[in-house]
Amino acid sequence: MRVGRSGTLGGDDGLRAAYAAHGGELYRFARRALADDGLAEEAVQETFLRAWRAADRFDETLGSLRTWLFAIVRNVVVDLGRARAARPAVRHDRTLAEPASDGEIERVLLAFQVEEALRRIGPDHRVALVEVHYRGRPYDEVAADLGVPTGTVKSRVYYGLKALRLALEEMGWTDDG
């Protein structure tokens, strides 16, 4: 299936379907990176505008629509962050968040992708991974809290990591350093 102006993304129905499928994820990513609801909404709108304009250049053999949209929103977020940094800050009673750097945006995107991938794996594996790797708890302690043998927690972590990698790959993540 090729996406183009006369194809899926180019038509009103295709654009609506793409927005329904990916708009929320794109907004959450932009909101985290920009720390501003209004700018995040602007980023998503600009992302879909750019995607619509460039629909004839999308090639699903190179990656999924989701991956392509995330590449676009990353560029939009960088552009908006740079534009915000170039403008003098408006003084408010509350402290304004500093715009994110390119490295910070990459870290936020990676964290978002891992969080989304964790949602896609089974709850037993997710709990084991979060407790052992994210919270840094020992296997024995996690096993005691869960009421399972230590070997079961080790197995859940092992297979959870495999499932997490698969979920990330399905989302278009590559391990290219």
N, C-alpha and C. Protein backbone atom coordinates (compact mmCIF):
# COMPACT_ATOMS: atom_id res chain seq x y z
N MET A 1 0.84 -1.18 0.00
CA MET A 1 0.00 0.00 0.00
C MET A 1 0.88 1.24 0.00
N ARG A 2 0.76 2.06 -0.97
CA ARG A 2 1.53 3.30 -1.09
C ARG A 2 0.66 4.44 -0.58
N VAL A 3 1.25 5.35 0.16
CA VAL A 3 0.52 6.49 0.67
C VAL A 3 0.90 7.70 -0.16
N GLY A 4 -0.06 8.36 -0.70
CA GLY A 4 0.19 9.54 -1.51
C GLY A 4 -1.00 10.47 -1.45
N ARG A 5 -0.91 11.59 -2.19
CA ARG A 5 -2.00 12.57 -2.16
C ARG A 5 -3.34 11.95 -2.54
N SER A 6 -3.34 11.03 -3.48
CA SER A 6 -4.60 10.38 -3.85
C SER A 6 -4.81 9.10 -3.05
N GLY A 7 -3.82 8.74 -2.24
CA GLY A 7 -3.90 7.50 -1.47
C GLY A 7 -4.37 7.74 -0.06
N THR A 8 -3.93 6.91 0.82
CA THR A 8 -4.43 6.88 2.19
C THR A 8 -4.22 8.18 2.95
N LEU A 9 -3.01 8.68 3.03
CA LEU A 9 -2.75 9.87 3.83
C LEU A 9 -3.24 11.13 3.15
N GLY A 10 -3.24 11.15 1.83
CA GLY A 10 -3.59 12.35 1.10
C GLY A 10 -5.06 12.72 1.20
N GLY A 11 -5.95 11.78 1.31
CA GLY A 11 -7.38 12.08 1.39
C GLY A 11 -7.79 12.44 2.80
N ASP A 12 -8.98 13.05 2.90
CA ASP A 12 -9.48 13.44 4.22
C ASP A 12 -9.63 12.24 5.15
N ASP A 13 -10.17 11.14 4.63
CA ASP A 13 -10.36 9.95 5.47
C ASP A 13 -9.02 9.39 5.95
N GLY A 14 -8.04 9.36 5.07
CA GLY A 14 -6.71 8.85 5.43
C GLY A 14 -6.04 9.72 6.46
N LEU A 15 -6.17 11.01 6.31
CA LEU A 15 -5.57 11.93 7.27
C LEU A 15 -6.24 11.79 8.63
N ARG A 16 -7.56 11.67 8.62
CA ARG A 16 -8.29 11.47 9.88
C ARG A 16 -7.87 10.16 10.55
N ALA A 17 -7.74 9.11 9.75
CA ALA A 17 -7.35 7.81 10.30
C ALA A 17 -5.94 7.87 10.87
N ALA A 18 -5.01 8.53 10.17
CA ALA A 18 -3.63 8.66 10.66
C ALA A 18 -3.61 9.47 11.96
N TYR A 19 -4.42 10.53 12.01
CA TYR A 19 -4.48 11.35 13.22
C TYR A 19 -5.06 10.54 14.38
N ALA A 20 -6.13 9.81 14.10
CA ALA A 20 -6.76 8.99 15.16
C ALA A 20 -5.78 7.94 15.68
N ALA A 21 -4.99 7.36 14.78
CA ALA A 21 -4.07 6.30 15.18
C ALA A 21 -2.83 6.83 15.89
N HIS A 22 -2.34 8.00 15.51
CA HIS A 22 -1.04 8.45 16.00
C HIS A 22 -1.02 9.84 16.66
N GLY A 23 -2.10 10.59 16.55
CA GLY A 23 -2.12 11.95 17.08
C GLY A 23 -1.84 12.05 18.56
N GLY A 24 -2.42 11.15 19.34
CA GLY A 24 -2.22 11.18 20.79
C GLY A 24 -0.78 10.92 21.18
N GLU A 25 -0.16 9.94 20.56
CA GLU A 25 1.25 9.62 20.85
C GLU A 25 2.15 10.80 20.46
N LEU A 26 1.88 11.38 19.29
CA LEU A 26 2.68 12.51 18.83
C LEU A 26 2.54 13.70 19.79
N TYR A 27 1.31 13.93 20.25
CA TYR A 27 1.08 15.02 21.19
C TYR A 27 1.83 14.78 22.50
N ARG A 28 1.75 13.56 23.04
CA ARG A 28 2.44 13.29 24.31
C ARG A 28 3.95 13.47 24.16
N PHE A 29 4.50 13.03 23.04
CA PHE A 29 5.93 13.24 22.80
C PHE A 29 6.25 14.73 22.73
N ALA A 30 5.49 15.48 21.95
CA ALA A 30 5.74 16.91 21.80
C ALA A 30 5.56 17.63 23.13
N ARG A 31 4.58 17.23 23.92
CA ARG A 31 4.32 17.86 25.23
C ARG A 31 5.50 17.65 26.17
N ARG A 32 6.05 16.44 26.16
CA ARG A 32 7.22 16.15 27.01
C ARG A 32 8.43 16.96 26.56
N ALA A 33 8.64 17.02 25.27
CA ALA A 33 9.84 17.69 24.75
C ALA A 33 9.75 19.20 24.90
N LEU A 34 8.56 19.77 24.71
CA LEU A 34 8.41 21.23 24.71
C LEU A 34 7.92 21.80 26.04
N ALA A 35 7.35 20.95 26.88
CA ALA A 35 6.81 21.39 28.18
C ALA A 35 5.80 22.52 28.02
N ASP A 36 4.97 22.43 26.97
CA ASP A 36 3.99 23.48 26.70
C ASP A 36 2.84 22.85 25.91
N ASP A 37 1.62 22.92 26.47
CA ASP A 37 0.46 22.32 25.81
C ASP A 37 0.18 22.95 24.45
N GLY A 38 0.22 24.28 24.38
CA GLY A 38 -0.07 24.99 23.14
C GLY A 38 0.93 24.66 22.05
N LEU A 39 2.21 24.67 22.41
CA LEU A 39 3.24 24.34 21.42
C LEU A 39 3.15 22.88 20.99
N ALA A 40 2.77 22.00 21.91
CA ALA A 40 2.61 20.59 21.56
C ALA A 40 1.49 20.42 20.55
N GLU A 41 0.37 21.13 20.75
CA GLU A 41 -0.73 21.07 19.79
C GLU A 41 -0.28 21.62 18.44
N GLU A 42 0.46 22.71 18.46
CA GLU A 42 1.00 23.29 17.23
C GLU A 42 1.93 22.30 16.53
N ALA A 43 2.74 21.59 17.31
CA ALA A 43 3.68 20.62 16.74
C ALA A 43 2.93 19.50 16.02
N VAL A 44 1.86 18.99 16.63
CA VAL A 44 1.10 17.91 16.01
C VAL A 44 0.42 18.42 14.74
N GLN A 45 -0.15 19.62 14.80
CA GLN A 45 -0.79 20.18 13.61
C GLN A 45 0.22 20.35 12.48
N GLU A 46 1.38 20.89 12.80
CA GLU A 46 2.43 21.09 11.80
C GLU A 46 2.94 19.74 11.28
N THR A 47 3.02 18.75 12.14
CA THR A 47 3.45 17.42 11.72
C THR A 47 2.52 16.85 10.65
N PHE A 48 1.22 16.93 10.89
CA PHE A 48 0.28 16.38 9.92
C PHE A 48 0.22 17.23 8.65
N LEU A 49 0.43 18.53 8.77
CA LEU A 49 0.50 19.38 7.58
C LEU A 49 1.71 18.99 6.73
N ARG A 50 2.87 18.83 7.36
CA ARG A 50 4.07 18.42 6.63
C ARG A 50 3.90 17.03 6.03
N ALA A 51 3.28 16.12 6.80
CA ALA A 51 3.07 14.76 6.30
C ALA A 51 2.15 14.79 5.08
N TRP A 52 1.10 15.59 5.13
CA TRP A 52 0.18 15.68 4.00
C TRP A 52 0.89 16.24 2.77
N ARG A 53 1.69 17.28 2.98
CA ARG A 53 2.42 17.89 1.86
C ARG A 53 3.45 16.94 1.25
N ALA A 54 4.03 16.07 2.08
CA ALA A 54 5.08 15.18 1.61
C ALA A 54 4.58 13.74 1.45
N ALA A 55 3.29 13.54 1.41
CA ALA A 55 2.72 12.19 1.36
C ALA A 55 3.25 11.37 0.20
N ASP A 56 3.53 12.02 -0.92
CA ASP A 56 4.02 11.27 -2.08
C ASP A 56 5.43 10.75 -1.88
N ARG A 57 6.13 11.26 -0.85
CA ARG A 57 7.49 10.79 -0.56
C ARG A 57 7.54 9.67 0.47
N PHE A 58 6.40 9.35 1.08
CA PHE A 58 6.37 8.28 2.07
C PHE A 58 6.48 6.94 1.36
N ASP A 59 7.36 6.09 1.85
CA ASP A 59 7.55 4.76 1.28
C ASP A 59 7.50 3.76 2.43
N GLU A 60 6.43 3.00 2.51
CA GLU A 60 6.27 2.08 3.64
C GLU A 60 7.28 0.94 3.64
N THR A 61 7.99 0.75 2.54
CA THR A 61 9.04 -0.28 2.54
C THR A 61 10.24 0.18 3.37
N LEU A 62 10.35 1.49 3.61
CA LEU A 62 11.45 2.03 4.41
C LEU A 62 11.10 2.12 5.90
N GLY A 63 9.83 2.13 6.23
CA GLY A 63 9.41 2.22 7.63
C GLY A 63 7.92 2.44 7.71
N SER A 64 7.39 2.29 8.91
CA SER A 64 5.95 2.44 9.11
C SER A 64 5.54 3.90 9.08
N LEU A 65 4.25 4.13 8.91
CA LEU A 65 3.71 5.49 8.95
C LEU A 65 4.01 6.13 10.30
N ARG A 66 3.89 5.35 11.37
CA ARG A 66 4.16 5.85 12.72
C ARG A 66 5.59 6.34 12.84
N THR A 67 6.54 5.56 12.35
CA THR A 67 7.95 5.93 12.41
C THR A 67 8.19 7.21 11.61
N TRP A 68 7.59 7.30 10.43
CA TRP A 68 7.73 8.47 9.57
C TRP A 68 7.17 9.71 10.27
N LEU A 69 5.99 9.57 10.89
CA LEU A 69 5.38 10.70 11.60
C LEU A 69 6.23 11.13 12.79
N PHE A 70 6.83 10.17 13.49
CA PHE A 70 7.70 10.53 14.61
C PHE A 70 8.96 11.25 14.13
N ALA A 71 9.48 10.88 12.98
CA ALA A 71 10.63 11.60 12.43
C ALA A 71 10.23 13.04 12.11
N ILE A 72 9.04 13.22 11.58
CA ILE A 72 8.56 14.57 11.26
C ILE A 72 8.34 15.37 12.54
N VAL A 73 7.66 14.79 13.53
CA VAL A 73 7.39 15.54 14.76
C VAL A 73 8.68 15.88 15.50
N ARG A 74 9.68 15.03 15.42
CA ARG A 74 10.96 15.35 16.04
C ARG A 74 11.54 16.61 15.41
N ASN A 75 11.49 16.70 14.08
CA ASN A 75 11.98 17.89 13.40
C ASN A 75 11.16 19.13 13.74
N VAL A 76 9.85 18.96 13.83
CA VAL A 76 8.97 20.07 14.19
C VAL A 76 9.29 20.55 15.61
N VAL A 77 9.47 19.61 16.53
CA VAL A 77 9.79 19.97 17.92
C VAL A 77 11.12 20.73 17.98
N VAL A 78 12.11 20.26 17.24
CA VAL A 78 13.40 20.97 17.21
C VAL A 78 13.20 22.38 16.67
N ASP A 79 12.44 22.51 15.57
CA ASP A 79 12.18 23.82 14.98
C ASP A 79 11.47 24.74 15.96
N LEU A 80 10.42 24.23 16.62
CA LEU A 80 9.68 25.04 17.58
C LEU A 80 10.54 25.41 18.79
N GLY A 81 11.35 24.47 19.24
CA GLY A 81 12.24 24.76 20.37
C GLY A 81 13.25 25.83 20.03
N ARG A 82 13.81 25.76 18.83
CA ARG A 82 14.77 26.78 18.40
C ARG A 82 14.10 28.13 18.23
N ALA A 83 12.89 28.12 17.66
CA ALA A 83 12.16 29.38 17.49
C ALA A 83 11.84 30.01 18.85
N ARG A 84 11.46 29.18 19.80
CA ARG A 84 11.15 29.69 21.14
C ARG A 84 12.40 30.23 21.80
N ALA A 85 13.54 29.57 21.58
CA ALA A 85 14.79 30.03 22.17
C ALA A 85 15.25 31.36 21.56
N ALA A 86 14.90 31.58 20.30
CA ALA A 86 15.31 32.81 19.62
C ALA A 86 14.47 34.01 20.04
N ARG A 87 13.25 33.76 20.52
CA ARG A 87 12.37 34.86 20.95
C ARG A 87 12.68 35.21 22.40
N PRO A 88 12.56 36.49 22.73
CA PRO A 88 12.73 36.83 24.15
C PRO A 88 11.59 36.23 24.97
N ALA A 89 11.92 35.73 26.14
CA ALA A 89 10.95 35.09 27.01
C ALA A 89 9.96 36.10 27.55
N VAL A 90 8.69 35.73 27.60
CA VAL A 90 7.66 36.55 28.20
C VAL A 90 7.70 36.29 29.69
N ARG A 91 7.73 37.33 30.47
CA ARG A 91 7.81 37.16 31.92
C ARG A 91 6.44 36.88 32.49
N HIS A 92 6.34 35.81 33.26
CA HIS A 92 5.14 35.44 33.98
C HIS A 92 5.50 35.28 35.44
N ASP A 93 4.48 35.09 36.25
CA ASP A 93 4.74 34.85 37.67
C ASP A 93 5.41 33.50 37.88
N ARG A 94 5.13 32.55 37.01
CA ARG A 94 5.75 31.23 37.15
C ARG A 94 6.99 31.15 36.28
N THR A 95 7.87 30.23 36.62
CA THR A 95 9.11 30.04 35.87
C THR A 95 8.81 29.31 34.57
N LEU A 96 9.36 29.84 33.47
CA LEU A 96 9.18 29.20 32.17
C LEU A 96 10.18 28.08 32.01
N ALA A 97 9.74 27.00 31.40
CA ALA A 97 10.65 25.88 31.13
C ALA A 97 11.62 26.27 30.02
N GLU A 98 12.85 25.85 30.17
CA GLU A 98 13.85 26.09 29.13
C GLU A 98 13.56 25.17 27.95
N PRO A 99 13.80 25.66 26.73
CA PRO A 99 13.59 24.78 25.58
C PRO A 99 14.55 23.59 25.62
N ALA A 100 14.10 22.50 25.12
CA ALA A 100 14.90 21.28 25.13
C ALA A 100 15.98 21.33 24.06
N SER A 101 17.15 20.82 24.38
CA SER A 101 18.22 20.72 23.39
C SER A 101 17.99 19.48 22.54
N ASP A 102 18.74 19.35 21.45
CA ASP A 102 18.60 18.18 20.58
C ASP A 102 18.84 16.89 21.36
N GLY A 103 19.85 16.88 22.23
CA GLY A 103 20.14 15.69 23.03
C GLY A 103 19.01 15.36 23.99
N GLU A 104 18.42 16.40 24.58
CA GLU A 104 17.29 16.18 25.48
C GLU A 104 16.09 15.62 24.72
N ILE A 105 15.88 16.12 23.52
CA ILE A 105 14.77 15.65 22.70
C ILE A 105 14.97 14.19 22.36
N GLU A 106 16.19 13.81 22.03
CA GLU A 106 16.48 12.41 21.73
C GLU A 106 16.22 11.53 22.94
N ARG A 107 16.62 12.00 24.14
CA ARG A 107 16.39 11.22 25.36
C ARG A 107 14.90 11.09 25.65
N VAL A 108 14.14 12.18 25.44
CA VAL A 108 12.70 12.13 25.66
C VAL A 108 12.05 11.17 24.68
N LEU A 109 12.48 11.21 23.41
CA LEU A 109 11.92 10.30 22.41
C LEU A 109 12.23 8.86 22.78
N LEU A 110 13.45 8.57 23.19
CA LEU A 110 13.81 7.21 23.58
C LEU A 110 12.99 6.76 24.79
N ALA A 111 12.87 7.63 25.80
CA ALA A 111 12.09 7.29 26.99
C ALA A 111 10.63 7.04 26.62
N PHE A 112 10.10 7.86 25.73
CA PHE A 112 8.72 7.69 25.29
C PHE A 112 8.54 6.36 24.58
N GLN A 113 9.49 6.02 23.72
CA GLN A 113 9.40 4.76 22.99
C GLN A 113 9.47 3.57 23.94
N VAL A 114 10.37 3.62 24.92
CA VAL A 114 10.48 2.51 25.88
C VAL A 114 9.21 2.41 26.70
N GLU A 115 8.67 3.55 27.14
CA GLU A 115 7.44 3.54 27.92
C GLU A 115 6.29 2.94 27.10
N GLU A 116 6.19 3.32 25.85
CA GLU A 116 5.15 2.79 24.98
C GLU A 116 5.35 1.29 24.76
N ALA A 117 6.60 0.85 24.56
CA ALA A 117 6.89 -0.57 24.38
C ALA A 117 6.55 -1.36 25.64
N LEU A 118 6.82 -0.80 26.81
CA LEU A 118 6.48 -1.47 28.07
C LEU A 118 4.97 -1.71 28.18
N ARG A 119 4.18 -0.77 27.64
CA ARG A 119 2.72 -0.95 27.67
C ARG A 119 2.29 -2.13 26.80
N ARG A 120 3.12 -2.50 25.83
CA ARG A 120 2.76 -3.52 24.86
C ARG A 120 3.15 -4.94 25.29
N ILE A 121 3.90 -5.07 26.38
CA ILE A 121 4.28 -6.41 26.83
C ILE A 121 3.38 -6.83 27.98
N GLY A 122 3.43 -8.10 28.33
CA GLY A 122 2.57 -8.64 29.39
C GLY A 122 2.85 -8.01 30.74
N PRO A 123 1.84 -7.95 31.59
CA PRO A 123 1.99 -7.30 32.90
C PRO A 123 3.04 -7.96 33.80
N ASP A 124 3.15 -9.30 33.77
CA ASP A 124 4.14 -9.97 34.61
C ASP A 124 5.55 -9.58 34.20
N HIS A 125 5.79 -9.56 32.88
CA HIS A 125 7.11 -9.17 32.38
C HIS A 125 7.39 -7.69 32.67
N ARG A 126 6.38 -6.85 32.47
CA ARG A 126 6.53 -5.41 32.70
C ARG A 126 6.90 -5.14 34.16
N VAL A 127 6.18 -5.76 35.10
CA VAL A 127 6.45 -5.54 36.52
C VAL A 127 7.88 -5.98 36.86
N ALA A 128 8.27 -7.14 36.37
CA ALA A 128 9.63 -7.64 36.66
C ALA A 128 10.69 -6.69 36.10
N LEU A 129 10.50 -6.22 34.87
CA LEU A 129 11.48 -5.30 34.28
C LEU A 129 11.55 -3.98 35.03
N VAL A 130 10.41 -3.42 35.34
CA VAL A 130 10.39 -2.13 36.03
C VAL A 130 11.04 -2.25 37.41
N GLU A 131 10.69 -3.30 38.14
CA GLU A 131 11.24 -3.44 39.48
C GLU A 131 12.75 -3.71 39.47
N VAL A 132 13.21 -4.57 38.58
CA VAL A 132 14.62 -4.96 38.58
C VAL A 132 15.50 -3.93 37.87
N HIS A 133 15.09 -3.49 36.68
CA HIS A 133 15.96 -2.60 35.90
C HIS A 133 15.72 -1.12 36.17
N TYR A 134 14.47 -0.70 36.29
CA TYR A 134 14.20 0.72 36.49
C TYR A 134 14.40 1.13 37.95
N ARG A 135 13.86 0.32 38.85
CA ARG A 135 13.98 0.66 40.27
C ARG A 135 15.23 0.08 40.91
N GLY A 136 15.92 -0.82 40.21
CA GLY A 136 17.18 -1.37 40.69
C GLY A 136 17.05 -2.29 41.90
N ARG A 137 15.93 -2.95 42.03
CA ARG A 137 15.72 -3.82 43.18
C ARG A 137 16.31 -5.19 42.92
N PRO A 138 16.82 -5.87 43.95
CA PRO A 138 17.37 -7.22 43.79
C PRO A 138 16.27 -8.23 43.44
N TYR A 139 16.66 -9.26 42.70
CA TYR A 139 15.72 -10.30 42.29
C TYR A 139 15.00 -10.91 43.49
N ASP A 140 15.75 -11.22 44.56
CA ASP A 140 15.16 -11.86 45.74
C ASP A 140 14.06 -11.01 46.37
N GLU A 141 14.31 -9.71 46.44
CA GLU A 141 13.35 -8.80 47.04
C GLU A 141 12.08 -8.71 46.18
N VAL A 142 12.25 -8.62 44.88
CA VAL A 142 11.10 -8.57 43.97
C VAL A 142 10.31 -9.87 44.06
N ALA A 143 11.02 -10.99 44.09
CA ALA A 143 10.36 -12.30 44.19
C ALA A 143 9.53 -12.39 45.47
N ALA A 144 10.09 -11.92 46.58
CA ALA A 144 9.37 -11.96 47.85
C ALA A 144 8.10 -11.10 47.78
N ASP A 145 8.21 -9.91 47.19
CA ASP A 145 7.05 -9.03 47.08
C ASP A 145 5.97 -9.62 46.18
N LEU A 146 6.39 -10.32 45.13
CA LEU A 146 5.44 -10.89 44.17
C LEU A 146 4.94 -12.27 44.61
N GLY A 147 5.62 -12.87 45.58
CA GLY A 147 5.22 -14.19 46.06
C GLY A 147 5.53 -15.30 45.07
N VAL A 148 6.64 -15.12 44.35
CA VAL A 148 7.07 -16.13 43.37
C VAL A 148 8.53 -16.46 43.63
N PRO A 149 9.03 -17.60 43.12
CA PRO A 149 10.44 -17.93 43.30
C PRO A 149 11.35 -16.93 42.56
N THR A 150 12.56 -16.80 43.05
CA THR A 150 13.54 -15.90 42.43
C THR A 150 13.78 -16.28 40.97
N GLY A 151 13.84 -17.55 40.68
CA GLY A 151 14.03 -18.01 39.30
C GLY A 151 12.92 -17.53 38.37
N THR A 152 11.70 -17.43 38.89
CA THR A 152 10.58 -16.95 38.09
C THR A 152 10.79 -15.48 37.72
N VAL A 153 11.26 -14.69 38.68
CA VAL A 153 11.52 -13.27 38.40
C VAL A 153 12.64 -13.16 37.36
N LYS A 154 13.68 -13.96 37.51
CA LYS A 154 14.78 -13.92 36.53
C LYS A 154 14.28 -14.29 35.14
N SER A 155 13.44 -15.30 35.07
CA SER A 155 12.86 -15.73 33.80
C SER A 155 11.99 -14.62 33.20
N ARG A 156 11.17 -13.98 34.04
CA ARG A 156 10.31 -12.90 33.57
C ARG A 156 11.13 -11.72 33.05
N VAL A 157 12.23 -11.42 33.71
CA VAL A 157 13.11 -10.34 33.24
C VAL A 157 13.72 -10.72 31.90
N TYR A 158 14.22 -11.94 31.79
CA TYR A 158 14.86 -12.39 30.55
C TYR A 158 13.87 -12.32 29.38
N TYR A 159 12.70 -12.93 29.54
CA TYR A 159 11.72 -12.94 28.46
C TYR A 159 11.07 -11.57 28.28
N GLY A 160 11.00 -10.81 29.36
CA GLY A 160 10.48 -9.45 29.25
C GLY A 160 11.38 -8.57 28.40
N LEU A 161 12.70 -8.73 28.56
CA LEU A 161 13.64 -7.96 27.73
C LEU A 161 13.51 -8.35 26.26
N LYS A 162 13.32 -9.63 26.00
CA LYS A 162 13.12 -10.08 24.61
C LYS A 162 11.83 -9.48 24.04
N ALA A 163 10.77 -9.51 24.82
CA ALA A 163 9.48 -8.95 24.37
C ALA A 163 9.58 -7.44 24.19
N LEU A 164 10.31 -6.77 25.07
CA LEU A 164 10.50 -5.33 24.97
C LEU A 164 11.25 -4.97 23.70
N ARG A 165 12.32 -5.72 23.41
CA ARG A 165 13.08 -5.47 22.18
C ARG A 165 12.19 -5.66 20.95
N LEU A 166 11.38 -6.71 20.94
CA LEU A 166 10.48 -6.97 19.82
C LEU A 166 9.46 -5.83 19.67
N ALA A 167 8.91 -5.39 20.79
CA ALA A 167 7.94 -4.29 20.75
C ALA A 167 8.60 -3.02 20.21
N LEU A 168 9.82 -2.74 20.64
CA LEU A 168 10.53 -1.56 20.14
C LEU A 168 10.81 -1.68 18.65
N GLU A 169 11.21 -2.85 18.20
CA GLU A 169 11.46 -3.05 16.77
C GLU A 169 10.20 -2.88 15.96
N GLU A 170 9.06 -3.37 16.48
CA GLU A 170 7.78 -3.19 15.80
C GLU A 170 7.40 -1.72 15.71
N MET A 171 7.87 -0.92 16.65
CA MET A 171 7.60 0.51 16.65
C MET A 171 8.57 1.27 15.76
N GLY A 172 9.53 0.56 15.17
CA GLY A 172 10.46 1.22 14.26
C GLY A 172 11.78 1.59 14.89
N TRP A 173 12.03 1.16 16.13
CA TRP A 173 13.28 1.48 16.82
C TRP A 173 14.40 0.63 16.26
N THR A 174 15.55 1.25 16.10
CA THR A 174 16.73 0.50 15.65
C THR A 174 17.85 0.73 16.65
N ASP A 175 18.69 -0.26 16.81
CA ASP A 175 19.81 -0.18 17.74
C ASP A 175 21.08 0.21 16.97
N ASP A 176 21.08 1.48 16.50
CA ASP A 176 22.23 1.93 15.72
C ASP A 176 23.08 2.91 16.50
N GLY A 177 23.03 2.77 17.81
CA GLY A 177 23.93 3.55 18.65
C GLY A 177 23.37 4.84 19.01
